[in-house]
Amino acid sequence: MLERLFKLRENNTTVRTEVFAGLTTFMTMAYIIFVNPELLSLAGMNFGAVLAATCVSAAIASITMGLMANYPFALAPGMGLNAFFTFGVVFGAGLSYQAALAAVFISGVLFILLTVTKAREAIIDSIPMSLKLAVGTGIGLFIALIGFKNAGLVVGNPATLVQLGNMSDPKVQLAVFGLVLTSVLVVRKVRGSLLIGILGTTVVGMIVSEIMGPQFFGFLPETETAMIRAPKALSDLISSPPSMQHLGEFRFGFAELFKIGFIPIIFSFTFVDVFDTIGTLIGVSSKAKMLDKDGKLPRANKALMADAIGTVAGAVLGTSTVTTYVESAAGVAEGGRTGLTAVTTGLLFLAALFFSPLAGLVPAAATAPILIIVGVFMMEPVTQIKFDDFLEAIPAFLAIVMMPFTFSIAEGIVWGVLAFVALKLATRKFRDISLTMYILAFLFVLRFFVS
């Protein structure tokens, strides 16, 4: 049945590889189970209800991706979009969370319309190959930056913007240990090296914290708290799982939403998700060699539809925009090539609904090294960009560097496309610019004035 559903032999993979890849993707994404409710609860939403909505919406979207498109991409409520939901819409515009959910729902319906009309697929197909390669590389740097940030190796500095973190901090030291351990496993080509790295770092952190005694409770506070509370919290969850308290509440926000200038809000939700998703699909697909000879992603429309369905489902359940996760690259790096990887991740999100305290045992210091190593894996496409041709090099470079520098995949695509169109116009190479690229460039410029 699995062979028939996911064409494992055709994709040169096995059930074991796909399940390992799905577990690896889940481990790198599991932080969203706690971070999303934490952010949305600031907007007045119930923490437990949002936790349930996060797990269920991630499960629905990831399983839909696996079954509909047969791709190893997992989905969940997106970081950045949940912050915009709370601080931009609820706090900034003064709306209720119900109205914010209504805006997410409308943007989800727009995603579906854009997908049905194949507009989103046309955008992917219109982006030149050099930019597609650059997007993959840029995402690699972006993922690595997230890893360095989560590890505490890179921290903010008002004078220099960033600087090296505190190397005497035990959490940073644990992350460095995890980076060394995972690097050695990867170099020695150990099967399941990323997953082993996560679990090994977590176990070492627990052992060291236990040996050092109470004075080291600050070593892994999130792990210590989870270990202490897990048994009772787990029994509480099994006997009384978090309720879907916000199910369908988006309906009550429509009247409020339409009283204000709602178009910029919906545009922001739509813009970021469309281009984050496109960037993730292109970047991870190019690394996994899923693009065809013309640089197109087969079944792209199905993948985009799964993303759109996830957003609508998320709004109905009571959470912010659901999007394709860049952390899917960790599962792909582990060998995931089919929808079985995504389905595995989705099922684990459902299990996490009941075992969320145990998911909290894995600290950021254990998953951060994996993101750094995945960044290394995603550097390969840069070798295929012709940097001796500045017409190709400048747009590609801007697409690559603007992703980590602006902390946004979407902004990297914006600057790459604008540079490509501007330079082609300046050199009178009009035929190299497709109609879709003209439209995108116009919309990107317009966005600077309306956002």
Protein backbone atom coordinates (compact mmCIF):
# COMPACT_ATOMS: atom_id res chain seq x y z
CA MET A 1 0.00 0.00 0.00
CA LEU A 2 2.82 2.39 0.90
CA GLU A 3 4.61 1.61 -2.35
CA ARG A 4 1.43 2.30 -4.31
CA LEU A 5 0.72 5.57 -2.47
CA PHE A 6 4.22 7.05 -2.36
CA LYS A 7 6.17 5.29 -5.17
CA LEU A 8 9.10 4.53 -2.86
CA ARG A 9 11.13 2.45 -5.34
CA GLU A 10 10.68 5.04 -8.08
CA ASN A 11 12.11 7.66 -5.70
CA ASN A 12 14.93 5.35 -4.58
CA THR A 13 13.92 5.34 -0.93
CA THR A 14 12.57 3.00 1.74
CA VAL A 15 9.95 3.10 4.48
CA ARG A 16 12.69 3.21 7.13
CA THR A 17 14.40 6.19 5.47
CA GLU A 18 11.14 8.10 5.07
CA VAL A 19 10.06 7.51 8.67
CA PHE A 20 13.48 8.58 9.96
CA ALA A 21 13.28 11.69 7.77
CA GLY A 22 9.78 12.48 9.05
CA LEU A 23 10.92 12.10 12.65
CA THR A 24 13.92 14.37 11.99
CA THR A 25 11.70 17.03 10.43
CA PHE A 26 9.32 16.83 13.39
CA MET A 27 12.15 17.18 15.90
CA THR A 28 13.40 20.35 14.20
CA MET A 29 9.85 21.76 14.00
CA ALA A 30 8.59 20.70 17.44
CA TYR A 31 9.40 24.10 18.96
CA ILE A 32 6.32 25.54 17.19
CA ILE A 33 4.06 23.46 19.45
CA PHE A 34 5.04 25.76 22.33
CA VAL A 35 6.17 28.97 20.63
CA ASN A 36 2.97 29.48 18.60
CA PRO A 37 0.61 29.24 21.61
CA GLU A 38 2.97 31.50 23.57
CA LEU A 39 2.77 34.23 20.91
CA LEU A 40 -0.96 33.94 20.20
CA SER A 41 -1.86 33.79 23.89
CA LEU A 42 -0.53 37.36 24.10
CA ALA A 43 -3.40 38.28 21.77
CA GLY A 44 -5.90 36.93 24.30
CA MET A 45 -6.20 33.36 23.02
CA ASN A 46 -6.16 30.34 25.32
CA PHE A 47 -2.70 28.68 25.39
CA GLY A 48 -4.01 25.09 25.52
CA ALA A 49 -6.54 25.67 22.74
CA VAL A 50 -3.90 27.20 20.45
CA LEU A 51 -1.54 24.31 21.25
CA ALA A 52 -4.26 21.90 20.09
CA ALA A 53 -4.98 23.98 16.98
CA THR A 54 -1.24 24.11 16.20
CA CYS A 55 -0.85 20.33 16.37
CA VAL A 56 -4.04 19.50 14.47
CA SER A 57 -3.54 22.11 11.71
CA ALA A 58 0.09 20.97 11.23
CA ALA A 59 -1.12 17.36 11.03
CA ILE A 60 -3.88 18.14 8.50
CA ALA A 61 -1.61 20.23 6.28
CA SER A 62 1.41 17.88 6.39
CA ILE A 63 -0.68 14.75 5.76
CA THR A 64 -2.49 16.54 2.91
CA MET A 65 0.89 17.49 1.41
CA GLY A 66 2.09 13.89 1.63
CA LEU A 67 -1.05 12.28 0.19
CA MET A 68 -1.95 14.94 -2.38
CA ALA A 69 1.47 15.99 -3.72
CA ASN A 70 3.73 13.14 -2.54
CA TYR A 71 6.42 15.57 -1.38
CA PRO A 72 8.40 15.43 1.91
CA PHE A 73 7.45 18.97 2.94
CA ALA A 74 5.89 19.50 6.36
CA LEU A 75 3.67 22.42 7.33
CA ALA A 76 2.66 24.22 10.53
CA PRO A 77 1.67 27.72 11.68
CA GLY A 78 4.47 29.94 10.43
CA MET A 79 6.88 31.96 12.53
CA GLY A 80 6.79 35.63 11.63
CA LEU A 81 3.20 35.34 10.52
CA ASN A 82 2.14 34.49 14.07
CA ALA A 83 4.10 37.50 15.34
CA PHE A 84 2.39 39.70 12.73
CA PHE A 85 -0.95 38.23 13.85
CA THR A 86 -0.34 39.29 17.46
CA PHE A 87 1.75 42.46 17.27
CA GLY A 88 0.76 43.82 13.86
CA VAL A 89 -2.96 43.03 13.71
CA VAL A 90 -4.20 42.62 17.29
CA PHE A 91 -1.89 45.11 19.05
CA GLY A 92 -0.99 47.32 16.07
CA ALA A 93 -4.40 47.64 14.37
CA GLY A 94 -6.34 47.18 17.60
CA LEU A 95 -8.43 44.26 16.30
CA SER A 96 -9.68 41.27 18.23
CA TYR A 97 -8.09 37.90 17.63
CA GLN A 98 -11.39 36.82 16.01
CA ALA A 99 -10.94 39.53 13.37
CA ALA A 100 -7.31 38.48 12.88
CA LEU A 101 -8.48 34.88 12.34
CA ALA A 102 -11.01 36.19 9.79
CA ALA A 103 -8.14 37.89 7.91
CA VAL A 104 -6.18 34.62 7.92
CA PHE A 105 -9.24 32.74 6.65
CA ILE A 106 -9.74 35.22 3.78
CA SER A 107 -6.05 35.00 2.85
CA GLY A 108 -6.40 31.19 2.84
CA VAL A 109 -9.34 31.39 0.44
CA LEU A 110 -7.25 33.70 -1.77
CA PHE A 111 -4.45 31.11 -1.70
CA ILE A 112 -6.89 28.49 -2.94
CA LEU A 113 -8.12 30.76 -5.76
CA LEU A 114 -4.54 31.60 -6.76
CA THR A 115 -3.73 27.90 -6.79
CA VAL A 116 -6.83 26.81 -8.72
CA THR A 117 -6.08 29.44 -11.38
CA LYS A 118 -2.46 28.19 -11.38
CA ALA A 119 -1.21 31.72 -10.63
CA ARG A 120 1.12 30.49 -7.88
CA GLU A 121 2.47 27.73 -10.12
CA ALA A 122 3.05 30.31 -12.88
CA ILE A 123 5.09 32.38 -10.43
CA ILE A 124 7.32 29.39 -9.62
CA ASP A 125 7.76 28.53 -13.31
CA SER A 126 8.57 32.14 -14.29
CA ILE A 127 11.47 32.55 -11.86
CA PRO A 128 14.75 32.03 -13.80
CA MET A 129 16.95 29.07 -12.91
CA SER A 130 19.75 31.24 -11.53
CA LEU A 131 17.33 32.75 -9.00
CA LYS A 132 15.96 29.32 -8.11
CA LEU A 133 19.48 28.17 -7.32
CA ALA A 134 20.07 31.37 -5.35
CA VAL A 135 16.86 30.86 -3.34
CA GLY A 136 18.07 27.41 -2.27
CA THR A 137 21.42 28.83 -1.19
CA GLY A 138 19.81 31.79 0.58
CA ILE A 139 17.52 29.48 2.50
CA GLY A 140 20.59 27.53 3.56
CA LEU A 141 22.13 30.68 5.05
CA PHE A 142 18.79 31.62 6.59
CA ILE A 143 18.44 28.19 8.23
CA ALA A 144 22.04 28.34 9.47
CA LEU A 145 21.43 31.79 10.98
CA ILE A 146 18.37 30.46 12.81
CA GLY A 147 20.54 27.61 14.09
CA PHE A 148 23.33 29.94 15.29
CA LYS A 149 20.72 32.18 16.94
CA ASN A 150 18.93 29.30 18.69
CA ALA A 151 22.28 27.92 19.83
CA GLY A 152 23.25 31.26 21.37
CA LEU A 153 26.38 31.35 19.20
CA VAL A 154 25.19 34.55 17.50
CA VAL A 155 23.50 37.24 19.57
CA GLY A 156 22.40 40.82 19.02
CA ASN A 157 24.59 43.85 19.59
CA PRO A 158 23.31 47.46 19.30
CA ALA A 159 26.68 48.69 18.02
CA THR A 160 27.65 45.93 15.57
CA LEU A 161 24.20 44.37 14.96
CA VAL A 162 25.46 40.85 15.83
CA GLN A 163 28.32 39.30 17.77
CA LEU A 164 29.57 35.98 19.14
CA GLY A 165 27.51 34.66 22.04
CA ASN A 166 28.70 33.85 25.55
CA MET A 167 30.87 30.76 25.15
CA SER A 168 30.89 30.19 28.91
CA ASP A 169 27.12 29.66 28.88
CA PRO A 170 26.49 25.90 29.39
CA LYS A 171 23.61 25.98 26.86
CA VAL A 172 25.95 27.38 24.21
CA GLN A 173 28.55 24.76 25.12
CA LEU A 174 25.95 22.03 24.74
CA ALA A 175 25.03 23.38 21.29
CA VAL A 176 28.71 23.36 20.27
CA PHE A 177 28.98 19.76 21.49
CA GLY A 178 25.93 18.90 19.39
CA LEU A 179 27.44 20.61 16.34
CA VAL A 180 30.69 18.65 16.71
CA LEU A 181 28.83 15.36 17.32
CA THR A 182 26.52 15.80 14.33
CA SER A 183 29.38 16.96 12.07
CA VAL A 184 31.39 13.82 12.91
CA LEU A 185 28.35 11.61 12.24
CA VAL A 186 27.73 13.34 8.89
CA VAL A 187 31.39 13.10 7.83
CA ARG A 188 31.41 9.39 8.71
CA LYS A 189 28.13 9.02 6.74
CA VAL A 190 26.26 7.43 9.64
CA ARG A 191 22.67 6.62 8.72
CA GLY A 192 20.25 8.88 10.60
CA SER A 193 23.08 11.20 11.68
CA LEU A 194 20.86 14.27 12.15
CA LEU A 195 18.35 12.44 14.33
CA ILE A 196 21.13 10.74 16.31
CA GLY A 197 22.71 14.17 16.81
CA ILE A 198 19.47 15.59 18.26
CA LEU A 199 18.88 12.65 20.60
CA GLY A 200 22.54 12.33 21.61
CA THR A 201 22.83 16.03 22.49
CA THR A 202 19.58 15.91 24.47
CA VAL A 203 20.71 12.86 26.49
CA VAL A 204 24.15 14.36 27.21
CA GLY A 205 22.52 17.59 28.36
CA MET A 206 20.23 15.72 30.73
CA ILE A 207 23.05 13.61 32.16
CA VAL A 208 25.38 16.57 32.74
CA SER A 209 22.59 18.60 34.32
CA GLU A 210 21.70 15.69 36.61
CA ILE A 211 25.33 15.07 37.64
CA MET A 212 26.06 18.73 38.38
CA GLY A 213 23.14 18.90 40.80
CA PRO A 214 20.65 21.60 41.80
CA GLN A 215 23.13 24.45 41.25
CA PHE A 216 23.01 23.61 37.54
CA PHE A 217 19.25 23.75 37.17
CA GLY A 218 19.84 26.74 34.88
CA PHE A 219 21.76 24.50 32.48
CA LEU A 220 18.67 23.37 30.59
CA PRO A 221 15.72 25.11 32.21
CA GLU A 222 13.22 24.02 29.58
CA THR A 223 14.37 20.42 29.86
CA GLU A 224 14.42 20.45 33.67
CA THR A 225 10.92 21.92 33.77
CA ALA A 226 9.64 19.39 31.26
CA MET A 227 11.23 16.47 33.16
CA ILE A 228 9.68 17.59 36.45
CA ARG A 229 6.22 18.32 35.05
CA ALA A 230 5.99 15.70 32.29
CA PRO A 231 4.43 12.80 34.27
CA LYS A 232 1.57 14.84 35.75
CA ALA A 233 1.08 17.01 32.66
CA LEU A 234 1.03 13.92 30.47
CA SER A 235 -1.62 12.22 32.59
CA ASP A 236 -3.66 15.42 32.58
CA LEU A 237 -3.47 15.66 28.80
CA ILE A 238 -4.46 12.05 28.25
CA SER A 239 -7.46 12.38 30.57
CA SER A 240 -8.43 15.80 29.28
CA PRO A 241 -6.74 16.87 26.00
CA PRO A 242 -6.70 20.59 25.07
CA SER A 243 -10.05 21.63 23.65
CA MET A 244 -10.59 23.30 20.27
CA GLN A 245 -11.86 26.37 22.06
CA HIS A 246 -11.39 28.70 19.08
CA LEU A 247 -12.96 26.39 16.49
CA GLY A 248 -14.91 28.54 14.01
CA GLU A 249 -14.41 31.79 15.93
CA PHE A 250 -13.11 33.48 12.78
CA ARG A 251 -16.77 33.96 11.76
CA PHE A 252 -17.30 36.49 14.55
CA GLY A 253 -14.45 38.67 13.28
CA PHE A 254 -15.75 39.45 9.79
CA ALA A 255 -17.91 42.43 10.81
CA GLU A 256 -15.07 43.99 12.79
CA LEU A 257 -12.49 43.31 10.07
CA PHE A 258 -14.50 45.05 7.34
CA LYS A 259 -14.93 48.20 9.43
CA ILE A 260 -11.27 49.10 9.02
CA GLY A 261 -8.77 49.19 6.16
CA PHE A 262 -8.46 45.42 6.02
CA ILE A 263 -6.85 45.17 2.56
CA PRO A 264 -3.26 45.90 3.74
CA ILE A 265 -3.66 43.30 6.51
CA ILE A 266 -4.87 40.58 4.14
CA PHE A 267 -2.24 41.60 1.58
CA SER A 268 0.51 41.21 4.19
CA PHE A 269 -0.70 37.74 5.22
CA THR A 270 -1.04 36.72 1.57
CA PHE A 271 2.26 38.16 0.37
CA VAL A 272 4.48 36.67 3.06
CA ASP A 273 2.92 33.21 2.89
CA VAL A 274 2.89 33.01 -0.92
CA PHE A 275 6.55 33.87 -1.29
CA ASP A 276 7.77 32.07 1.82
CA THR A 277 6.09 28.92 0.50
CA ILE A 278 7.39 29.39 -3.04
CA GLY A 279 10.89 30.04 -1.71
CA THR A 280 10.81 26.95 0.51
CA LEU A 281 9.46 24.71 -2.25
CA ILE A 282 12.04 25.93 -4.76
CA GLY A 283 14.97 25.87 -2.35
CA VAL A 284 14.37 22.48 -0.77
CA SER A 285 13.32 20.92 -4.10
CA SER A 286 16.48 22.10 -5.86
CA LYS A 287 18.62 20.58 -3.10
CA ALA A 288 16.71 17.29 -3.31
CA LYS A 289 17.03 17.38 -7.13
CA MET A 290 13.24 17.31 -7.53
CA LEU A 291 13.17 20.04 -10.20
CA ASP A 292 12.92 18.82 -13.79
CA LYS A 293 15.30 19.75 -16.63
CA ASP A 294 13.44 23.03 -17.18
CA GLY A 295 13.76 24.00 -13.52
CA LYS A 296 10.08 23.33 -12.81
CA LEU A 297 8.64 21.45 -9.84
CA PRO A 298 6.31 18.63 -10.94
CA ARG A 299 2.99 18.59 -9.06
CA ALA A 300 3.72 22.12 -7.81
CA ASN A 301 0.02 22.97 -7.97
CA LYS A 302 -0.84 20.08 -5.64
CA ALA A 303 1.85 21.13 -3.17
CA LEU A 304 0.55 24.70 -3.20
CA MET A 305 -3.03 23.49 -2.75
CA ALA A 306 -1.98 21.53 0.34
CA ASP A 307 -0.47 24.73 1.71
CA ALA A 308 -3.66 26.69 0.98
CA ILE A 309 -5.85 24.02 2.61
CA GLY A 310 -3.60 24.16 5.66
CA THR A 311 -4.10 27.91 6.04
CA VAL A 312 -7.90 27.65 5.80
CA ALA A 313 -7.94 24.74 8.25
CA GLY A 314 -5.70 26.64 10.64
CA ALA A 315 -7.99 29.70 10.63
CA VAL A 316 -11.03 27.52 11.27
CA LEU A 317 -9.30 25.67 14.12
CA GLY A 318 -8.02 28.89 15.67
CA THR A 319 -4.41 29.61 14.73
CA SER A 320 -2.41 31.91 12.47
CA THR A 321 -1.32 31.18 8.89
CA VAL A 322 -0.08 27.64 8.19
CA THR A 323 2.84 27.48 5.78
CA THR A 324 5.43 25.08 4.36
CA TYR A 325 8.34 24.85 6.79
CA VAL A 326 11.93 25.50 5.80
CA GLU A 327 12.91 22.94 8.47
CA SER A 328 11.63 20.32 5.99
CA ALA A 329 15.15 20.58 4.61
CA ALA A 330 16.35 18.59 7.65
CA GLY A 331 14.16 15.64 6.65
CA VAL A 332 15.23 15.92 3.02
CA ALA A 333 18.88 15.96 4.14
CA GLU A 334 18.10 12.75 6.06
CA GLY A 335 16.94 11.12 2.81
CA GLY A 336 13.22 11.95 2.71
CA ARG A 337 11.98 12.02 -0.87
CA THR A 338 8.26 11.21 -0.78
CA GLY A 339 5.03 12.15 0.93
CA LEU A 340 5.59 9.41 3.51
CA THR A 341 8.03 11.79 5.22
CA ALA A 342 5.35 14.50 5.45
CA VAL A 343 2.69 12.02 6.60
CA THR A 344 5.04 10.75 9.33
CA THR A 345 5.63 14.30 10.52
CA GLY A 346 1.88 14.97 10.48
CA LEU A 347 1.12 11.87 12.56
CA LEU A 348 3.79 12.88 15.06
CA PHE A 349 2.10 16.28 15.43
CA LEU A 350 -1.13 14.45 16.26
CA ALA A 351 0.73 12.33 18.82
CA ALA A 352 2.29 15.51 20.24
CA LEU A 353 -1.22 16.70 21.06
CA PHE A 354 -1.18 14.12 23.85
CA PHE A 355 2.55 13.91 24.53
CA SER A 356 3.51 17.59 24.23
CA PRO A 357 5.32 17.67 27.62
CA LEU A 358 7.68 14.96 26.34
CA ALA A 359 8.31 16.91 23.13
CA GLY A 360 9.54 19.69 25.41
CA LEU A 361 12.39 17.46 26.60
CA VAL A 362 14.34 18.32 23.43
CA PRO A 363 16.00 21.74 24.02
CA ALA A 364 16.87 24.33 21.39
CA ALA A 365 20.55 23.54 22.01
CA ALA A 366 19.95 20.06 20.56
CA THR A 367 18.06 21.10 17.40
CA ALA A 368 20.09 24.23 16.62
CA PRO A 369 23.19 22.28 15.42
CA ILE A 370 20.99 20.37 12.96
CA LEU A 371 19.86 23.62 11.34
CA ILE A 372 23.50 24.72 10.98
CA ILE A 373 24.45 21.41 9.30
CA VAL A 374 21.40 21.65 7.00
CA GLY A 375 22.69 25.10 6.02
CA VAL A 376 25.92 23.42 4.92
CA PHE A 377 23.96 20.88 2.86
CA MET A 378 22.09 23.65 1.04
CA MET A 379 25.20 25.54 -0.11
CA GLU A 380 25.78 23.22 -3.08
CA PRO A 381 23.51 25.04 -5.62
CA VAL A 382 25.67 28.18 -5.39
CA THR A 383 28.36 26.39 -7.44
CA GLN A 384 25.97 26.30 -10.41
CA ILE A 385 25.44 30.09 -10.50
CA LYS A 386 27.55 31.91 -13.12
CA PHE A 387 29.17 34.59 -10.98
CA ASP A 388 31.31 35.74 -13.92
CA ASP A 389 28.10 36.97 -15.58
CA PHE A 390 26.98 39.97 -13.52
CA LEU A 391 23.52 39.98 -15.07
CA GLU A 392 23.03 36.64 -13.34
CA ALA A 393 25.33 37.18 -10.36
CA ILE A 394 23.88 40.43 -8.92
CA PRO A 395 20.22 39.27 -8.69
CA ALA A 396 21.37 35.89 -7.36
CA PHE A 397 23.63 37.51 -4.75
CA LEU A 398 20.87 39.82 -3.53
CA ALA A 399 18.42 36.91 -3.29
CA ILE A 400 20.97 34.93 -1.25
CA VAL A 401 22.08 37.59 1.23
CA MET A 402 18.77 39.38 1.78
CA MET A 403 17.20 36.24 3.26
CA PRO A 404 19.44 36.05 6.35
CA PHE A 405 19.98 39.84 6.53
CA THR A 406 16.24 40.60 6.60
CA PHE A 407 15.32 37.33 8.34
CA SER A 408 12.78 36.65 5.58
CA ILE A 409 12.68 34.24 2.66
CA ALA A 410 10.09 36.45 0.96
CA GLU A 411 12.34 39.53 1.00
CA GLY A 412 15.14 37.57 -0.64
CA ILE A 413 12.83 36.69 -3.53
CA VAL A 414 11.65 40.31 -3.78
CA TRP A 415 15.15 41.75 -4.13
CA GLY A 416 16.30 39.02 -6.50
CA VAL A 417 13.32 39.52 -8.83
CA LEU A 418 13.58 43.33 -8.75
CA ALA A 419 17.30 43.24 -9.54
CA PHE A 420 16.75 40.72 -12.35
CA VAL A 421 14.03 42.80 -14.04
CA ALA A 422 15.85 46.13 -13.53
CA LEU A 423 19.14 44.87 -14.99
CA LYS A 424 17.44 43.18 -17.95
CA LEU A 425 15.57 46.42 -18.71
CA ALA A 426 18.75 48.47 -18.37
CA THR A 427 20.57 46.21 -20.85
CA ARG A 428 17.56 46.12 -23.23
CA LYS A 429 17.15 42.36 -22.91
CA PHE A 430 13.37 42.63 -22.85
CA ARG A 431 12.72 39.15 -24.20
CA ASP A 432 14.38 37.60 -21.15
CA ILE A 433 11.63 39.01 -18.94
CA SER A 434 8.37 37.07 -18.82
CA LEU A 435 5.01 38.77 -18.30
CA THR A 436 4.78 37.18 -14.85
CA MET A 437 8.14 38.71 -13.85
CA TYR A 438 6.95 42.15 -14.99
CA ILE A 439 3.80 41.75 -12.88
CA LEU A 440 5.77 40.53 -9.85
CA ALA A 441 8.22 43.44 -10.10
CA PHE A 442 5.33 45.93 -10.30
CA LEU A 443 3.61 44.37 -7.26
CA PHE A 444 6.85 44.30 -5.28
CA VAL A 445 7.51 48.00 -5.94
CA LEU A 446 3.87 48.82 -5.13
CA ARG A 447 4.20 46.93 -1.85
CA PHE A 448 6.95 49.27 -0.67
CA PHE A 449 4.48 52.15 -0.84
CA VAL A 450 1.41 50.46 0.67
CA SER A 451 3.01 48.39 3.46
